[in-house]
Protein backbone atom coordinates (compact mmCIF):
# COMPACT_ATOMS: atom_id res chain seq x y z
CA MET A 1 -59.94 -44.96 20.58
CA LYS A 2 -56.27 -44.35 18.40
CA ASP A 3 -55.06 -47.75 19.22
CA LYS A 4 -58.37 -49.55 19.74
CA ARG A 5 -57.40 -52.78 17.69
CA ILE A 6 -59.93 -53.48 14.08
CA ASP A 7 -62.22 -55.96 14.56
CA HIS A 8 -61.76 -57.91 11.21
CA ALA A 9 -63.89 -60.17 11.83
CA GLY A 10 -66.75 -58.46 13.02
CA ALA A 11 -67.23 -56.64 10.30
CA ALA A 12 -66.17 -59.33 8.08
CA ALA A 13 -69.32 -60.89 9.77
CA ALA A 14 -71.47 -58.13 8.99
CA PHE A 15 -70.43 -57.91 5.16
CA ILE A 16 -71.52 -62.08 4.63
CA ALA A 17 -74.74 -61.51 5.72
CA ASP A 18 -75.46 -59.36 3.18
CA ALA A 19 -75.71 -61.69 0.65
CA PRO A 20 -76.36 -59.25 -2.44
CA HIS A 21 -73.50 -57.68 -2.20
CA LEU A 22 -70.76 -60.39 -0.72
CA ALA A 23 -72.02 -62.56 -3.88
CA PHE A 24 -71.60 -59.22 -6.03
CA HIS A 25 -68.81 -58.05 -4.63
CA ASP A 26 -66.81 -61.72 -4.97
CA GLU A 27 -68.11 -62.25 -8.68
CA ARG A 28 -66.44 -59.07 -9.57
CA LEU A 29 -63.03 -58.85 -8.37
CA TRP A 30 -62.76 -62.74 -9.35
CA ASP A 31 -64.00 -61.72 -12.99
CA MET A 32 -61.36 -59.08 -12.55
CA ARG A 33 -58.61 -61.87 -11.95
CA GLN A 34 -59.91 -63.89 -14.48
CA LYS A 35 -59.02 -61.08 -16.83
CA ARG A 36 -55.75 -60.62 -15.30
CA ASP A 37 -54.62 -63.97 -16.20
CA ALA A 38 -56.53 -63.78 -19.52
CA GLN A 39 -53.65 -61.13 -20.02
CA MET A 40 -50.94 -62.87 -18.33
CA HIS A 41 -51.04 -65.88 -20.83
CA LEU A 42 -51.12 -63.27 -23.43
CA LEU A 43 -47.45 -62.15 -23.30
CA PRO A 44 -44.99 -65.19 -23.33
CA GLU A 45 -42.75 -62.87 -21.25
CA TRP A 46 -45.03 -62.33 -18.46
CA GLN A 47 -43.06 -64.18 -15.45
CA GLU A 48 -40.41 -62.44 -17.31
CA LEU A 49 -41.62 -59.08 -16.46
CA ARG A 50 -41.87 -60.00 -13.16
CA THR A 51 -38.79 -60.99 -12.41
CA LEU A 52 -37.54 -57.78 -13.90
CA ALA A 53 -39.99 -55.70 -12.29
CA SER A 54 -39.03 -56.48 -8.89
CA GLN A 55 -35.31 -56.76 -9.80
CA ILE A 56 -36.11 -53.15 -11.08
CA LYS A 57 -37.78 -52.60 -7.70
CA GLU A 58 -34.88 -53.68 -5.34
CA HIS A 59 -32.75 -51.66 -7.15
CA THR A 60 -34.23 -48.21 -6.18
CA LEU A 61 -34.50 -49.54 -2.98
CA ALA A 62 -31.67 -50.33 -2.04
CA ASN A 63 -30.45 -47.06 -3.71
CA LEU A 64 -33.29 -45.19 -2.74
CA PRO A 65 -31.01 -41.95 -1.70
CA ASP A 66 -30.14 -41.34 -4.48
CA TYR A 67 -32.28 -41.27 -6.83
CA LEU A 68 -33.80 -39.05 -5.00
CA GLU A 69 -32.32 -37.29 -4.81
CA GLN A 70 -31.42 -36.78 -8.62
CA PHE A 71 -34.99 -36.97 -9.18
CA GLU A 72 -35.18 -33.02 -7.21
CA ARG A 73 -32.44 -32.13 -9.00
CA ASN A 74 -33.61 -33.07 -12.12
CA ALA A 75 -37.69 -31.98 -11.67
CA THR A 76 -35.92 -28.90 -10.39
CA ARG A 77 -34.26 -28.23 -13.21
CA ASN A 78 -37.61 -28.70 -15.05
CA GLY A 79 -39.40 -25.71 -13.02
CA ILE A 80 -40.91 -27.63 -10.37
CA HIS A 81 -41.26 -27.30 -6.70
CA VAL A 82 -40.44 -30.60 -4.75
CA HIS A 83 -41.56 -30.79 -1.13
CA TRP A 84 -40.23 -33.54 1.52
CA ALA A 85 -43.01 -34.37 4.28
CA ARG A 86 -41.26 -37.01 6.97
CA ASP A 87 -45.00 -38.15 7.68
CA GLY A 88 -48.42 -37.45 7.13
CA ALA A 89 -48.97 -34.24 9.28
CA GLU A 90 -45.52 -32.35 7.57
CA HIS A 91 -47.52 -33.67 3.66
CA ASN A 92 -51.02 -31.60 5.05
CA ARG A 93 -49.40 -28.64 6.20
CA ILE A 94 -47.44 -28.33 3.21
CA VAL A 95 -50.12 -28.67 1.03
CA ALA A 96 -51.83 -26.09 2.96
CA GLU A 97 -49.53 -23.99 2.80
CA ILE A 98 -48.89 -24.13 -0.56
CA LEU A 99 -52.84 -23.26 -0.95
CA GLN A 100 -53.46 -20.49 1.54
CA ALA A 101 -50.24 -18.57 -0.46
CA ARG A 102 -52.18 -18.78 -3.58
CA GLY A 103 -55.37 -17.30 -1.58
CA ALA A 104 -56.55 -20.88 -2.84
CA THR A 105 -60.28 -22.38 -1.29
CA THR A 106 -61.11 -25.09 -3.36
CA LEU A 107 -58.85 -28.55 -4.31
CA ILE A 108 -59.79 -30.57 -7.10
CA LYS A 109 -57.66 -33.78 -7.00
CA SER A 110 -57.42 -37.07 -8.61
CA LYS A 111 -57.39 -40.30 -6.61
CA SER A 112 -54.20 -40.91 -4.41
CA MET A 113 -53.98 -42.69 -1.61
CA VAL A 114 -51.38 -41.46 0.31
CA THR A 115 -53.79 -38.48 0.69
CA GLU A 116 -55.78 -40.35 2.21
CA GLU A 117 -52.96 -42.42 3.87
CA CYS A 118 -52.28 -38.90 5.25
CA ASP A 119 -56.23 -37.94 5.98
CA MET A 120 -55.39 -34.82 4.44
CA ARG A 121 -59.35 -34.19 3.68
CA PRO A 122 -60.61 -32.82 6.98
CA TYR A 123 -56.78 -31.17 7.40
CA LEU A 124 -57.30 -29.13 4.99
CA ALA A 125 -61.24 -28.14 5.61
CA ALA A 126 -60.41 -27.67 9.48
CA ARG A 127 -58.62 -24.34 6.98
CA GLY A 128 -61.32 -23.49 4.95
CA ILE A 129 -60.50 -25.18 2.18
CA THR A 130 -62.59 -27.31 0.64
CA VAL A 131 -61.40 -30.64 -1.53
CA THR A 132 -63.67 -32.53 -3.71
CA GLU A 133 -62.74 -36.03 -5.15
CA THR A 134 -63.14 -36.49 -9.53
CA ASP A 135 -62.36 -39.98 -9.74
CA LEU A 136 -66.17 -42.30 -9.81
CA GLY A 137 -65.26 -44.20 -7.23
CA GLU A 138 -63.59 -41.93 -4.84
CA ARG A 139 -66.35 -39.16 -4.86
CA ILE A 140 -68.80 -42.01 -3.79
CA GLN A 141 -66.66 -43.03 -1.31
CA GLN A 142 -66.43 -39.26 -0.01
CA LEU A 143 -70.20 -38.27 0.28
CA ASP A 144 -70.37 -41.65 1.63
CA ASP A 145 -68.51 -40.49 4.24
CA GLN A 146 -66.03 -43.62 3.66
CA LEU A 147 -62.06 -44.86 2.88
CA PRO A 148 -61.72 -46.76 -0.46
CA SER A 149 -62.09 -50.22 0.39
CA HIS A 150 -59.92 -50.96 -3.09
CA ILE A 151 -56.86 -49.70 -4.13
CA VAL A 152 -58.25 -49.33 -7.91
CA VAL A 153 -61.93 -49.45 -7.71
CA PRO A 154 -62.83 -47.49 -4.42
CA ALA A 155 -66.37 -48.50 -4.36
CA VAL A 156 -66.66 -52.00 -5.21
CA HIS A 157 -68.19 -53.07 -2.20
CA LYS A 158 -71.20 -50.51 -3.45
CA LEU A 159 -74.56 -52.12 -5.36
CA THR A 160 -75.86 -49.40 -8.28
CA GLY A 161 -78.82 -48.84 -5.47
CA ASP A 162 -76.84 -47.72 -2.64
CA VAL A 163 -74.95 -45.45 -5.77
CA ALA A 164 -78.09 -44.37 -6.42
CA ARG A 165 -78.95 -43.69 -2.38
CA VAL A 166 -76.03 -41.67 -2.06
CA PHE A 167 -76.18 -39.34 -5.50
CA ALA A 168 -80.06 -38.60 -4.27
CA THR A 169 -78.42 -37.54 -0.71
CA HIS A 170 -76.14 -35.11 -2.29
CA TYR A 171 -77.35 -34.39 -5.47
CA GLY A 172 -81.09 -34.43 -5.67
CA THR A 173 -81.03 -37.12 -8.33
CA ASP A 174 -83.60 -40.50 -8.12
CA PRO A 175 -83.04 -42.22 -6.09
CA ASN A 176 -84.49 -45.55 -7.47
CA ALA A 177 -81.98 -45.16 -10.74
CA ASP A 178 -80.69 -48.54 -12.04
CA ASP A 179 -78.81 -47.42 -15.06
CA PRO A 180 -74.82 -47.42 -14.07
CA ARG A 181 -74.35 -44.83 -16.91
CA GLN A 182 -77.12 -42.00 -15.33
CA LEU A 183 -75.20 -42.26 -12.35
CA ALA A 184 -72.07 -41.30 -13.93
CA GLU A 185 -74.02 -38.95 -15.85
CA ALA A 186 -75.01 -37.07 -12.84
CA GLN A 187 -71.29 -37.31 -11.31
CA ARG A 188 -69.98 -35.76 -14.42
CA GLN A 189 -72.62 -32.81 -14.42
CA ALA A 190 -71.30 -32.37 -10.71
CA ALA A 191 -68.06 -32.16 -11.28
CA ARG A 192 -67.55 -30.02 -14.28
CA PRO A 193 -68.76 -26.95 -12.76
CA VAL A 194 -66.38 -27.42 -9.76
CA ILE A 195 -63.48 -28.80 -12.22
CA LEU A 196 -64.01 -25.51 -14.27
CA HIS A 197 -63.85 -23.15 -10.46
CA ALA A 198 -61.35 -24.32 -8.99
CA ASP A 199 -58.28 -23.17 -7.43
CA ALA A 200 -56.09 -25.70 -7.25
CA GLY A 201 -55.21 -29.83 -8.15
CA MET A 202 -53.84 -32.25 -6.82
CA THR A 203 -52.67 -35.68 -8.50
CA GLY A 204 -51.70 -38.39 -7.40
CA ALA A 205 -48.50 -40.39 -8.85
CA ASN A 206 -48.11 -43.71 -10.09
CA PHE A 207 -44.12 -43.52 -11.02
CA ALA A 208 -41.47 -41.10 -10.81
CA VAL A 209 -38.59 -41.20 -13.12
CA ALA A 210 -34.88 -40.41 -11.60
CA GLU A 211 -33.25 -39.08 -14.77
CA THR A 212 -35.93 -37.03 -15.90
CA GLY A 213 -37.41 -36.36 -13.14
CA THR A 214 -40.82 -36.74 -14.69
CA PHE A 215 -43.98 -38.17 -12.63
CA VAL A 216 -46.97 -40.25 -14.71
CA VAL A 217 -50.22 -40.91 -14.06
CA CYS A 218 -52.25 -43.38 -15.35
CA THR A 219 -55.72 -43.34 -15.14
CA ASN A 220 -59.03 -44.32 -16.80
CA GLU A 221 -61.65 -41.46 -16.30
CA GLY A 222 -59.28 -38.30 -17.93
CA ASN A 223 -59.74 -36.79 -14.26
CA ALA A 224 -56.72 -36.85 -13.33
CA ASP A 225 -55.31 -35.08 -16.69
CA LEU A 226 -58.57 -32.69 -15.26
CA SER A 227 -57.62 -31.80 -11.84
CA ALA A 228 -53.74 -31.53 -13.37
CA THR A 229 -54.34 -28.89 -15.92
CA VAL A 230 -57.30 -26.57 -14.86
CA PRO A 231 -56.56 -24.40 -12.56
CA GLY A 232 -53.14 -22.94 -12.17
CA VAL A 233 -51.88 -24.76 -10.19
CA HIS A 234 -51.08 -28.92 -9.96
CA ILE A 235 -49.97 -30.29 -6.70
CA ALA A 236 -48.79 -34.17 -6.82
CA THR A 237 -47.84 -36.48 -3.69
CA LEU A 238 -46.11 -39.40 -4.12
CA GLY A 239 -44.59 -41.85 -1.86
CA ILE A 240 -40.70 -41.68 -1.71
CA GLU A 241 -40.87 -45.45 -2.90
CA ARG A 242 -42.56 -44.91 -6.05
CA LEU A 243 -39.22 -44.45 -7.56
CA VAL A 244 -38.21 -45.68 -10.89
CA PRO A 245 -33.96 -44.91 -12.06
CA ARG A 246 -34.38 -44.33 -15.96
CA MET A 247 -37.82 -44.32 -18.34
CA SER A 248 -36.56 -47.33 -19.75
CA ASP A 249 -37.73 -48.81 -16.78
CA LEU A 250 -41.13 -47.12 -17.47
CA GLY A 251 -41.65 -49.79 -19.96
CA VAL A 252 -42.05 -52.54 -17.77
CA PHE A 253 -44.39 -51.44 -15.13
CA VAL A 254 -46.63 -49.82 -17.44
CA ARG A 255 -47.06 -52.72 -19.52
CA MET A 256 -47.95 -54.78 -15.87
CA LEU A 257 -50.09 -52.38 -14.22
CA SER A 258 -53.02 -51.91 -15.86
CA ARG A 259 -52.64 -55.93 -16.87
CA SER A 260 -52.37 -56.98 -13.49
CA ALA A 261 -55.22 -54.79 -11.75
CA LEU A 262 -58.55 -54.58 -14.66
CA GLY A 263 -56.84 -57.12 -16.83
CA SER A 264 -56.97 -54.72 -19.79
CA PRO A 265 -54.34 -53.79 -21.68
CA ILE A 266 -53.16 -50.29 -20.63
CA THR A 267 -55.19 -47.37 -18.98
CA GLN A 268 -56.93 -45.22 -21.26
CA TYR A 269 -54.72 -42.60 -19.75
CA THR A 270 -50.74 -42.73 -19.18
CA THR A 271 -49.73 -39.15 -18.30
CA HIS A 272 -45.95 -37.68 -18.42
CA PHE A 273 -45.53 -34.38 -16.35
CA ARG A 274 -42.41 -32.99 -16.58
CA GLY A 275 -42.58 -29.44 -15.74
CA PRO A 276 -45.41 -26.49 -15.19
CA GLN A 277 -47.98 -24.84 -18.00
CA ASP A 278 -46.95 -21.77 -18.73
CA GLY A 279 -47.97 -19.25 -16.26
CA GLY A 280 -48.50 -21.88 -13.87
CA GLU A 281 -47.40 -24.04 -10.83
CA MET A 282 -46.72 -27.66 -9.97
CA HIS A 283 -45.14 -28.77 -6.64
CA VAL A 284 -44.64 -32.30 -5.97
CA ILE A 285 -44.12 -33.36 -2.82
CA LEU A 286 -41.64 -36.93 -1.48
CA VAL A 287 -43.58 -38.25 1.50
CA ASP A 288 -41.98 -40.65 3.63
CA ASN A 289 -44.49 -41.10 6.14
CA GLY A 290 -43.22 -44.67 7.56
CA ARG A 291 -41.42 -45.80 4.37
CA SER A 292 -38.16 -45.15 5.66
CA ALA A 293 -38.67 -47.09 9.14
CA ARG A 294 -40.20 -50.32 6.65
CA LEU A 295 -36.93 -50.37 4.67
CA GLY A 296 -35.19 -50.99 7.01
CA MET A 297 -37.73 -54.04 7.87
CA ALA A 298 -35.80 -57.02 6.86
CA ASP A 299 -38.84 -59.35 7.38
CA PHE A 300 -40.60 -56.50 5.31
CA TRP A 301 -38.67 -53.71 3.37
CA THR A 302 -39.83 -55.65 0.12
CA SER A 303 -43.47 -55.05 0.39
CA LEU A 304 -42.25 -51.70 -0.68
CA LYS A 305 -42.41 -52.47 -4.01
CA CYS A 306 -45.51 -52.26 -4.47
CA ILE A 307 -47.25 -50.56 -7.67
CA ARG A 308 -50.79 -50.05 -6.02
CA CYS A 309 -52.54 -53.33 -8.90
CA GLY A 310 -54.68 -54.48 -6.64
CA ALA A 311 -54.35 -57.90 -8.21
CA CYS A 312 -52.99 -59.25 -4.57
CA MET A 313 -56.41 -58.42 -3.09
CA ASN A 314 -58.98 -59.71 -6.54
CA THR A 315 -57.31 -63.18 -5.75
CA CYS A 316 -57.89 -63.15 -1.96
CA PRO A 317 -60.39 -65.48 -0.86
CA VAL A 318 -60.73 -64.15 2.70
CA TYR A 319 -60.50 -60.21 0.79
CA ARG A 320 -63.61 -61.09 -1.82
CA ARG A 321 -65.38 -62.92 1.22
CA SER A 322 -64.85 -59.67 3.66
CA GLY A 323 -64.59 -56.88 1.86
CA GLY A 324 -62.04 -53.83 2.07
CA LEU A 325 -64.02 -51.75 4.68
CA SER A 326 -63.77 -54.71 7.36
CA TYR A 327 -59.48 -54.10 7.02
CA GLY A 328 -60.52 -50.20 8.69
CA ALA A 329 -57.47 -49.01 6.94
CA VAL A 330 -56.58 -47.42 3.82
CA TYR A 331 -55.08 -50.26 2.22
CA SER A 332 -57.07 -53.58 2.79
CA GLY A 333 -56.33 -57.26 1.59
CA PRO A 334 -53.12 -58.89 1.49
CA ILE A 335 -50.31 -55.70 0.72
CA GLY A 336 -52.98 -53.65 3.70
CA ALA A 337 -51.89 -56.79 6.69
CA ILE A 338 -48.65 -56.37 5.35
CA ILE A 339 -48.41 -52.48 5.30
CA ASP A 340 -50.68 -51.58 8.20
CA PRO A 341 -48.80 -53.06 10.66
CA THR A 342 -46.26 -50.34 9.68
CA PHE A 343 -48.04 -47.68 11.03
CA ASN A 344 -49.98 -49.42 14.05
CA GLU A 345 -48.85 -52.06 15.30
CA ARG A 346 -51.29 -52.15 17.77
CA LYS A 347 -54.34 -51.05 15.99
CA TYR A 348 -54.00 -53.18 12.51
CA SER A 349 -52.59 -56.11 14.57
CA THR A 350 -55.68 -58.16 13.26
CA LEU A 351 -54.95 -57.98 9.48
CA PRO A 352 -52.31 -60.79 8.75
CA PHE A 353 -54.40 -63.29 10.24
CA ALA A 354 -56.92 -62.64 7.87
CA SER A 355 -55.62 -65.14 6.01
CA THR A 356 -55.53 -69.02 4.24
CA LEU A 357 -51.66 -68.40 3.32
CA ASN A 358 -52.12 -70.13 0.38
CA GLY A 359 -50.36 -68.00 -1.16
CA SER A 360 -52.67 -67.02 -4.37
CA CYS A 361 -51.53 -62.92 -3.53
CA THR A 362 -47.85 -64.12 -3.88
CA ASN A 363 -48.59 -65.97 -7.16
CA VAL A 364 -50.10 -63.00 -9.10
CA CYS A 365 -47.78 -59.77 -7.78
CA PRO A 366 -46.32 -58.31 -10.74
CA VAL A 367 -42.87 -57.17 -8.78
CA ARG A 368 -43.03 -60.77 -6.91
CA ILE A 369 -43.63 -59.53 -3.64
CA ASP A 370 -43.47 -62.65 -0.77
CA ILE A 371 -47.01 -61.62 0.45
CA HIS A 372 -48.22 -64.73 2.16
CA ASP A 373 -44.62 -65.52 3.62
CA GLN A 374 -44.35 -61.73 4.94
CA LEU A 375 -48.45 -62.69 6.42
CA TYR A 376 -47.18 -65.21 8.80
CA LYS A 377 -43.55 -63.54 10.09
CA TRP A 378 -45.55 -60.50 10.43
CA ARG A 379 -48.01 -62.79 12.91
CA ARG A 380 -44.62 -64.28 14.67
CA VAL A 381 -43.85 -60.49 14.97
CA LEU A 382 -47.42 -59.77 16.90
CA VAL A 383 -46.91 -62.56 19.37
CA ASP A 384 -43.55 -61.34 19.99
CA HIS A 385 -44.74 -58.64 21.18
CA HIS A 386 -47.70 -59.51 22.61
CA GLN A 387 -50.36 -57.79 20.21
CA MET A 388 -52.44 -60.18 20.18
CA PRO A 389 -56.07 -60.90 22.25
CA PHE A 390 -55.94 -62.68 25.49
CA VAL A 391 -58.20 -65.14 23.98
CA LYS A 392 -56.98 -66.28 21.31
CA ARG A 393 -53.55 -65.76 23.26
CA GLU A 394 -54.64 -68.35 25.82
CA ILE A 395 -55.25 -70.76 23.87
CA MET A 396 -52.75 -70.64 21.50
CA HIS A 397 -50.64 -71.22 24.66
CA MET A 398 -52.87 -74.11 25.89
CA ALA A 399 -52.45 -75.14 22.14
CA GLY A 400 -49.02 -75.09 22.30
CA LYS A 401 -49.02 -77.19 26.04
CA LEU A 402 -51.28 -80.44 24.78
CA MET A 403 -49.30 -80.74 21.09
CA GLY A 404 -45.72 -80.64 23.31
CA GLN A 405 -47.21 -83.60 25.13
CA PRO A 406 -47.46 -86.59 22.92
CA ARG A 407 -49.96 -88.61 25.45
CA LEU A 408 -52.13 -85.70 26.05
CA TYR A 409 -52.48 -84.41 22.61
CA ARG A 410 -53.65 -88.17 21.95
CA ALA A 411 -55.99 -88.21 24.63
CA ALA A 412 -57.78 -84.93 24.00
CA ILE A 413 -57.81 -85.95 20.15
CA ALA A 414 -59.74 -89.49 21.34
CA GLY A 415 -62.21 -87.20 23.53
CA ALA A 416 -62.94 -84.97 21.42
CA GLU A 417 -64.38 -87.75 18.46
CA THR A 418 -66.13 -88.86 21.51
CA ALA A 419 -68.09 -85.77 21.78
CA LEU A 420 -68.25 -85.32 17.72
CA GLY A 421 -70.26 -88.26 18.20
CA THR A 422 -71.73 -87.79 21.52
CA LEU A 423 -73.31 -83.78 22.47
CA PRO A 424 -75.79 -82.35 20.54
CA ARG A 425 -75.72 -79.40 18.13
CA PHE A 426 -76.17 -76.37 20.55
CA ALA A 427 -73.05 -77.80 22.81
CA LEU A 428 -70.67 -77.58 19.71
CA TYR A 429 -71.93 -74.93 18.58
CA SER A 430 -72.16 -72.63 20.70
CA TRP A 431 -69.22 -69.14 21.39
CA LEU A 432 -67.16 -71.47 22.19
CA ASN A 433 -66.83 -72.58 19.05
CA PRO A 434 -65.84 -69.71 16.89
CA TRP A 435 -64.54 -71.75 13.52
CA GLY A 436 -67.80 -73.92 13.17
CA LYS A 437 -69.65 -70.39 13.04
CA GLN A 438 -68.90 -69.79 9.44
CA ARG A 439 -67.88 -74.38 8.49
CA GLU A 440 -69.14 -77.70 10.26
CA LEU A 441 -66.91 -79.97 12.10
CA PRO A 442 -65.71 -83.19 10.71
CA HIS A 443 -67.04 -86.46 11.10
CA PRO A 444 -66.09 -88.26 13.80
CA VAL A 445 -63.73 -91.56 12.50
CA GLU A 446 -63.32 -94.80 13.48
CA GLU A 447 -60.02 -95.27 14.35
CA THR A 448 -57.58 -92.62 14.46
CA PHE A 449 -54.60 -92.86 11.97
CA HIS A 450 -52.21 -93.31 15.57
CA ALA A 451 -54.71 -96.06 16.52
CA TRP A 452 -54.65 -97.63 13.14
CA TYR A 453 -50.94 -97.38 13.36
CA ARG A 454 -50.39 -98.88 16.00
CA ARG A 455 -52.56 -101.97 15.78
CA THR A 456 -51.24 -102.96 12.30
CA ARG A 457 -47.33 -102.24 13.26
CA SER A 458 -47.51 -103.59 16.35
CA GLY A 459 -46.74 -107.25 15.74
CA ASN A 460 -43.89 -105.76 13.84
CA GLY A 461 -41.58 -104.35 16.21
CA THR A 462 -42.53 -100.97 15.49
CA ALA A 463 -44.97 -100.04 18.43
CA ASP A 464 -44.93 -96.98 19.69
CA THR A 465 -43.18 -96.36 22.87
CA GLY A 466 -45.57 -93.07 23.60
CA ARG A 467 -43.42 -90.44 21.94
């Protein structure tokens, strides 16, 4: 069902039950967080850069129509064909028309979250066009028919053995291979012939510069450069929020992107595309797909500042211990939990609740998005729009009634203390207590704070009046 709610808790429970994958995932992402911190401490101006990056993005979003038109004018002047897509369906249609007009039946592409967002591959496959991902992680996920589980490292949830089995199925390699270099070489050997004979290539874009009509792609594998330059046709897809006004602004973001994402000073390749090759074609598709509507949301428009670094995912204790696939969406982790409901409020209504609201995501965001605050605000919106599951809604309603009546609340606390001390474990840890699936209930106390307060203050004229 298109609008069926994502069962994040159920998917997370399955991931947690797999101890080897859980341990690797948690440790790998926390290592990326620590490397990010090390890079941060090397730059005394780090917090100043975060503030500047945030200000540039907010200024750009406040003047987005003007900068989009400026980019279009300058890109067209550079020989780029600029297309506008209202939504994913229009984006996919534009791509298909470009390819079909040139008789192209094979497309190689580098990582692009927007094309995932638009569900482009199935659309093109239905029209006889084969799409091959050239990014190693994206290709692994494509072969395994899974969404990317992370914005930067799409297959981070997989162990070496998982990749070996996927490659054995599709490439005929050794299913017991345990050398990552051997597996990477298998992908390289499988990809090169496809790249060399592709009819067209496709990339995303990390940033686009309005004053020059150019765009920048940051990668570590070099596959984006091959996808863009080997075929004669290069299509670049980017969300309308990827703009920065000036080339001088770009340096702020290039300095922060890889440091925030992987804890490295810069990506291996930072490629500036200005126009088509001699005798070639270049197309840029500017995709809205709900971004204009989000820009009009008073509480959530700043999520458009996101530069897709994944730092919030690497630090999030819930994401690290539940895996990206448990979110059931292209965008996972804290940033996904505030973006996804803008696409489908009902389907992704459980995601803003998959957070402890500890604020770590906000603290590491290079453009200072108030992620944890937006998670809280989304919860309020979802409750107001009746998008909470029935059981949770009723429990919260009863809790509100209980906490709104002090005498009843204190009686319930006393009863709970008695139950904790007397009831057998099977009664306390049942399906009625989902909180206890992963946690031990607190030990009963001999005296509550309220009882202590009444006892010690009753002779001072400050005894409780029942309120």
